[in-house]
């Protein structure tokens, strides 16, 4: 079936200017990730073993740095068994993002 998860998060200020991601260690099966109402990305699970691969979505283009809380919603579609977000989700960042055009 289809399940929705929603929460508010705070992206640490020290991540401003960097690429920021939501890291999902395991999502059973396909998912779409929305940040502040915008589609940040999706993972279509075409093979059963793909549920064991982490889902990493870049979210910095959708973060509104003028507000403290960011709204995150995740739509998960599962066609077999018990699906959903299976482990704790992390906010991570890496090197600085390239300059905007």
N, C-alpha and C. Protein backbone atom coordinates (compact mmCIF):
# COMPACT_ATOMS: atom_id res chain seq x y z
N UNK A 1 0.81 -1.18 0.00
CA UNK A 1 0.00 0.00 0.00
C UNK A 1 0.86 1.25 0.00
N UNK A 2 0.20 2.35 0.25
CA UNK A 2 0.84 3.65 0.27
C UNK A 2 0.79 4.20 1.69
N UNK A 3 1.93 4.70 2.15
CA UNK A 3 2.00 5.33 3.46
C UNK A 3 2.69 6.67 3.35
N UNK A 4 2.26 7.60 4.17
CA UNK A 4 2.87 8.93 4.22
C UNK A 4 3.50 9.15 5.58
N UNK A 5 4.67 9.73 5.59
CA UNK A 5 5.36 10.13 6.80
C UNK A 5 5.63 11.62 6.68
N UNK A 6 5.44 12.36 7.76
CA UNK A 6 5.72 13.79 7.71
C UNK A 6 6.27 14.25 9.05
N UNK A 7 7.18 15.20 8.99
CA UNK A 7 7.78 15.77 10.19
C UNK A 7 8.37 17.14 9.85
N UNK A 8 8.76 17.84 10.88
CA UNK A 8 9.51 19.09 10.72
C UNK A 8 10.92 18.84 11.21
N UNK A 9 11.89 19.39 10.50
CA UNK A 9 13.28 19.24 10.89
C UNK A 9 13.95 20.60 10.94
N UNK A 10 15.03 20.67 11.67
CA UNK A 10 15.89 21.84 11.68
C UNK A 10 17.20 21.45 11.02
N UNK A 11 17.57 22.15 9.97
CA UNK A 11 18.86 21.91 9.32
C UNK A 11 19.87 22.82 10.01
N UNK A 12 20.92 22.26 10.59
CA UNK A 12 21.88 23.10 11.31
C UNK A 12 22.46 24.21 10.45
N UNK A 13 22.57 25.38 11.03
CA UNK A 13 23.07 26.57 10.32
C UNK A 13 24.46 26.32 9.73
N UNK A 14 25.28 25.51 10.40
CA UNK A 14 26.63 25.27 9.89
C UNK A 14 26.62 24.48 8.57
N UNK A 15 25.46 23.96 8.17
CA UNK A 15 25.35 23.26 6.89
C UNK A 15 25.02 24.22 5.74
N UNK A 16 24.73 25.47 6.05
CA UNK A 16 24.43 26.44 5.00
C UNK A 16 25.63 26.56 4.07
N UNK A 17 25.38 26.55 2.77
CA UNK A 17 26.45 26.64 1.78
C UNK A 17 27.04 25.28 1.42
N UNK A 18 26.54 24.24 2.01
CA UNK A 18 27.00 22.88 1.71
C UNK A 18 25.88 22.10 1.03
N UNK A 19 26.24 20.99 0.44
CA UNK A 19 25.22 20.06 -0.04
C UNK A 19 24.66 19.35 1.18
N UNK A 20 23.35 19.37 1.32
CA UNK A 20 22.69 18.74 2.47
C UNK A 20 21.79 17.63 1.95
N UNK A 21 21.84 16.50 2.65
CA UNK A 21 21.09 15.32 2.23
C UNK A 21 20.27 14.76 3.38
N UNK A 22 19.18 14.09 3.03
CA UNK A 22 18.52 13.19 3.96
C UNK A 22 19.01 11.80 3.60
N UNK A 23 19.49 11.08 4.61
CA UNK A 23 20.03 9.74 4.42
C UNK A 23 19.10 8.75 5.10
N UNK A 24 18.46 7.91 4.28
CA UNK A 24 17.56 6.87 4.76
C UNK A 24 18.29 5.54 4.64
N UNK A 25 18.71 4.92 5.74
CA UNK A 25 19.42 3.64 5.63
C UNK A 25 18.59 2.56 4.94
N UNK A 26 17.26 2.58 5.16
CA UNK A 26 16.41 1.57 4.51
C UNK A 26 14.99 2.08 4.38
N UNK A 27 14.50 2.07 3.14
CA UNK A 27 13.10 2.37 2.85
C UNK A 27 12.57 1.18 2.06
N UNK A 28 11.49 0.61 2.54
CA UNK A 28 10.91 -0.57 1.91
C UNK A 28 9.68 -0.15 1.14
N UNK A 29 9.70 0.10 0.08
CA UNK A 29 10.14 -0.05 -1.28
C UNK A 29 10.38 1.33 -1.90
N UNK A 30 9.51 1.72 -2.82
CA UNK A 30 9.71 3.00 -3.53
C UNK A 30 9.31 4.18 -2.65
N UNK A 31 9.92 5.34 -2.92
CA UNK A 31 9.56 6.52 -2.13
C UNK A 31 9.76 7.80 -2.93
N UNK A 32 9.04 8.81 -2.49
CA UNK A 32 9.20 10.19 -2.97
C UNK A 32 9.42 11.05 -1.73
N UNK A 33 10.39 11.95 -1.82
CA UNK A 33 10.72 12.81 -0.68
C UNK A 33 10.41 14.26 -1.07
N UNK A 34 9.61 14.92 -0.24
CA UNK A 34 9.23 16.31 -0.44
C UNK A 34 9.81 17.16 0.69
N UNK A 35 10.35 18.31 0.35
CA UNK A 35 10.85 19.26 1.35
C UNK A 35 10.17 20.59 1.10
N UNK A 36 9.47 21.07 2.10
CA UNK A 36 8.72 22.32 1.99
C UNK A 36 7.79 22.32 0.77
N UNK A 37 7.20 21.18 0.52
CA UNK A 37 6.22 21.03 -0.56
C UNK A 37 6.80 20.74 -1.93
N UNK A 38 8.11 20.79 -2.09
CA UNK A 38 8.75 20.54 -3.39
C UNK A 38 9.30 19.11 -3.43
N UNK A 39 9.17 18.47 -4.57
CA UNK A 39 9.71 17.12 -4.74
C UNK A 39 11.23 17.20 -4.81
N UNK A 40 11.89 16.63 -3.80
CA UNK A 40 13.35 16.62 -3.77
C UNK A 40 13.90 15.46 -4.57
N UNK A 41 13.14 14.38 -4.67
CA UNK A 41 13.59 13.23 -5.45
C UNK A 41 12.78 12.00 -5.14
N UNK A 42 13.05 10.95 -5.90
CA UNK A 42 12.35 9.69 -5.68
C UNK A 42 13.26 8.52 -5.98
N UNK A 43 12.93 7.41 -5.36
CA UNK A 43 13.63 6.15 -5.63
C UNK A 43 12.56 5.13 -6.00
N UNK A 44 12.67 4.61 -7.21
CA UNK A 44 11.77 3.56 -7.66
C UNK A 44 12.45 2.23 -7.42
N UNK A 45 11.83 1.40 -6.65
CA UNK A 45 12.40 0.11 -6.28
C UNK A 45 11.94 -0.93 -7.30
N UNK A 46 12.81 -1.28 -8.23
CA UNK A 46 12.44 -2.19 -9.30
C UNK A 46 12.85 -3.62 -9.03
N UNK A 47 13.77 -3.83 -8.09
CA UNK A 47 14.23 -5.17 -7.74
C UNK A 47 14.08 -5.34 -6.23
N UNK A 48 13.66 -6.50 -5.75
CA UNK A 48 13.47 -6.70 -4.30
C UNK A 48 14.69 -6.37 -3.46
N UNK A 49 15.88 -6.66 -3.96
CA UNK A 49 17.09 -6.41 -3.17
C UNK A 49 17.42 -4.92 -3.05
N UNK A 50 16.78 -4.09 -3.85
CA UNK A 50 17.04 -2.64 -3.81
C UNK A 50 16.60 -2.02 -2.48
N UNK A 51 15.68 -2.66 -1.75
CA UNK A 51 15.25 -2.09 -0.47
C UNK A 51 16.39 -2.06 0.54
N UNK A 52 17.43 -2.84 0.31
CA UNK A 52 18.58 -2.88 1.23
C UNK A 52 19.58 -1.77 0.94
N UNK A 53 19.38 -1.04 -0.16
CA UNK A 53 20.28 0.07 -0.51
C UNK A 53 19.76 1.36 0.12
N UNK A 54 20.65 2.16 0.70
CA UNK A 54 20.18 3.42 1.29
C UNK A 54 19.62 4.36 0.25
N UNK A 55 18.74 5.23 0.71
CA UNK A 55 18.17 6.29 -0.13
C UNK A 55 18.79 7.60 0.34
N UNK A 56 19.41 8.33 -0.59
CA UNK A 56 20.05 9.59 -0.25
C UNK A 56 19.45 10.67 -1.16
N UNK A 57 18.83 11.67 -0.54
CA UNK A 57 18.19 12.74 -1.30
C UNK A 57 18.83 14.08 -0.95
N UNK A 58 19.29 14.80 -1.96
CA UNK A 58 19.84 16.13 -1.73
C UNK A 58 18.68 17.09 -1.48
N UNK A 59 18.76 17.84 -0.38
CA UNK A 59 17.64 18.72 -0.02
C UNK A 59 18.00 20.19 0.06
N UNK A 60 19.29 20.54 -0.02
CA UNK A 60 19.65 21.95 0.18
C UNK A 60 18.97 22.92 -0.78
N UNK A 61 18.66 22.52 -2.03
CA UNK A 61 17.95 23.49 -2.90
C UNK A 61 16.54 23.83 -2.40
N UNK A 62 16.00 23.02 -1.49
CA UNK A 62 14.63 23.19 -1.02
C UNK A 62 14.54 23.73 0.41
N UNK A 63 15.69 23.92 1.06
CA UNK A 63 15.71 24.44 2.41
C UNK A 63 15.48 25.95 2.37
N UNK A 64 14.57 26.42 3.21
CA UNK A 64 14.33 27.85 3.35
C UNK A 64 15.10 28.31 4.58
N UNK A 65 16.26 28.91 4.36
CA UNK A 65 17.14 29.28 5.46
C UNK A 65 16.57 30.42 6.29
N UNK A 66 15.51 31.06 5.81
CA UNK A 66 14.89 32.15 6.58
C UNK A 66 13.98 31.62 7.68
N UNK A 67 13.64 30.36 7.62
CA UNK A 67 12.79 29.77 8.65
C UNK A 67 13.54 28.65 9.36
N UNK A 68 13.25 28.45 10.63
CA UNK A 68 13.96 27.46 11.42
C UNK A 68 13.54 26.03 11.05
N UNK A 69 12.24 25.80 10.92
CA UNK A 69 11.74 24.45 10.65
C UNK A 69 11.48 24.23 9.17
N UNK A 70 11.88 23.06 8.70
CA UNK A 70 11.64 22.63 7.32
C UNK A 70 10.65 21.46 7.38
N UNK A 71 9.69 21.45 6.48
CA UNK A 71 8.72 20.37 6.46
C UNK A 71 9.19 19.28 5.50
N UNK A 72 9.24 18.05 5.99
CA UNK A 72 9.63 16.90 5.18
C UNK A 72 8.46 15.92 5.16
N UNK A 73 8.08 15.50 3.96
CA UNK A 73 7.05 14.47 3.79
C UNK A 73 7.61 13.40 2.87
N UNK A 74 7.34 12.16 3.20
CA UNK A 74 7.82 11.03 2.41
C UNK A 74 6.64 10.13 2.09
N UNK A 75 6.47 9.85 0.81
CA UNK A 75 5.43 8.93 0.34
C UNK A 75 6.12 7.61 0.02
N UNK A 76 5.71 6.55 0.71
CA UNK A 76 6.30 5.23 0.49
C UNK A 76 5.25 4.32 -0.12
N UNK A 77 5.65 3.60 -1.16
CA UNK A 77 4.78 2.61 -1.80
C UNK A 77 5.40 1.24 -1.59
N UNK A 78 4.62 0.33 -1.02
CA UNK A 78 5.08 -1.04 -0.77
C UNK A 78 4.08 -2.00 -1.41
N UNK A 79 4.59 -2.95 -2.16
CA UNK A 79 3.72 -3.90 -2.84
C UNK A 79 3.72 -5.28 -2.21
N UNK A 80 4.65 -5.52 -1.27
CA UNK A 80 4.74 -6.83 -0.62
C UNK A 80 5.08 -6.67 0.85
N UNK A 81 4.36 -7.34 1.71
CA UNK A 81 4.72 -7.38 3.13
C UNK A 81 4.60 -6.05 3.83
N UNK A 82 5.42 -5.90 4.86
CA UNK A 82 5.42 -4.68 5.66
C UNK A 82 6.46 -3.71 5.11
N UNK A 83 6.01 -2.58 4.63
CA UNK A 83 6.93 -1.60 4.07
C UNK A 83 7.08 -0.41 4.98
N UNK A 84 7.81 0.58 4.50
CA UNK A 84 7.95 1.82 5.25
C UNK A 84 9.39 2.23 5.43
N UNK A 85 9.57 3.26 6.23
CA UNK A 85 10.90 3.74 6.59
C UNK A 85 11.35 2.87 7.75
N UNK A 86 12.43 2.12 7.57
CA UNK A 86 12.79 1.07 8.52
C UNK A 86 13.81 1.47 9.57
N UNK A 87 14.55 2.54 9.35
CA UNK A 87 15.58 2.94 10.30
C UNK A 87 15.59 4.46 10.45
N UNK A 88 16.31 4.92 11.44
CA UNK A 88 16.42 6.36 11.70
C UNK A 88 16.99 7.09 10.48
N UNK A 89 16.43 8.26 10.19
CA UNK A 89 16.86 9.08 9.06
C UNK A 89 17.82 10.15 9.57
N UNK A 90 18.86 10.42 8.79
CA UNK A 90 19.89 11.36 9.20
C UNK A 90 19.95 12.55 8.25
N UNK A 91 20.31 13.72 8.79
CA UNK A 91 20.63 14.89 7.98
C UNK A 91 22.14 14.93 7.91
N UNK A 92 22.69 14.88 6.69
CA UNK A 92 24.14 14.87 6.52
C UNK A 92 24.53 15.91 5.48
N UNK A 93 25.80 16.29 5.49
CA UNK A 93 26.30 17.22 4.48
C UNK A 93 27.70 16.82 4.09
N UNK A 94 28.12 17.35 2.95
CA UNK A 94 29.48 17.08 2.50
C UNK A 94 30.13 18.40 2.14
N UNK A 95 30.90 18.40 1.12
CA UNK A 95 31.64 19.58 0.72
C UNK A 95 30.71 20.73 0.35
N UNK A 96 31.23 21.94 0.33
CA UNK A 96 30.39 23.09 -0.06
C UNK A 96 29.77 22.91 -1.44
N UNK A 97 28.56 23.40 -1.58
CA UNK A 97 27.87 23.35 -2.86
C UNK A 97 28.54 24.30 -3.84
N UNK A 98 28.46 24.01 -5.14
CA UNK A 98 29.03 24.93 -6.13
C UNK A 98 28.25 26.24 -6.14
N UNK A 99 28.88 27.32 -6.58
CA UNK A 99 28.19 28.62 -6.61
C UNK A 99 26.94 28.56 -7.50
N UNK A 100 25.92 29.30 -7.11
CA UNK A 100 24.69 29.36 -7.91
C UNK A 100 24.96 30.11 -9.20
N UNK A 101 24.23 29.74 -10.25
CA UNK A 101 24.39 30.40 -11.55
C UNK A 101 23.75 31.75 -11.57
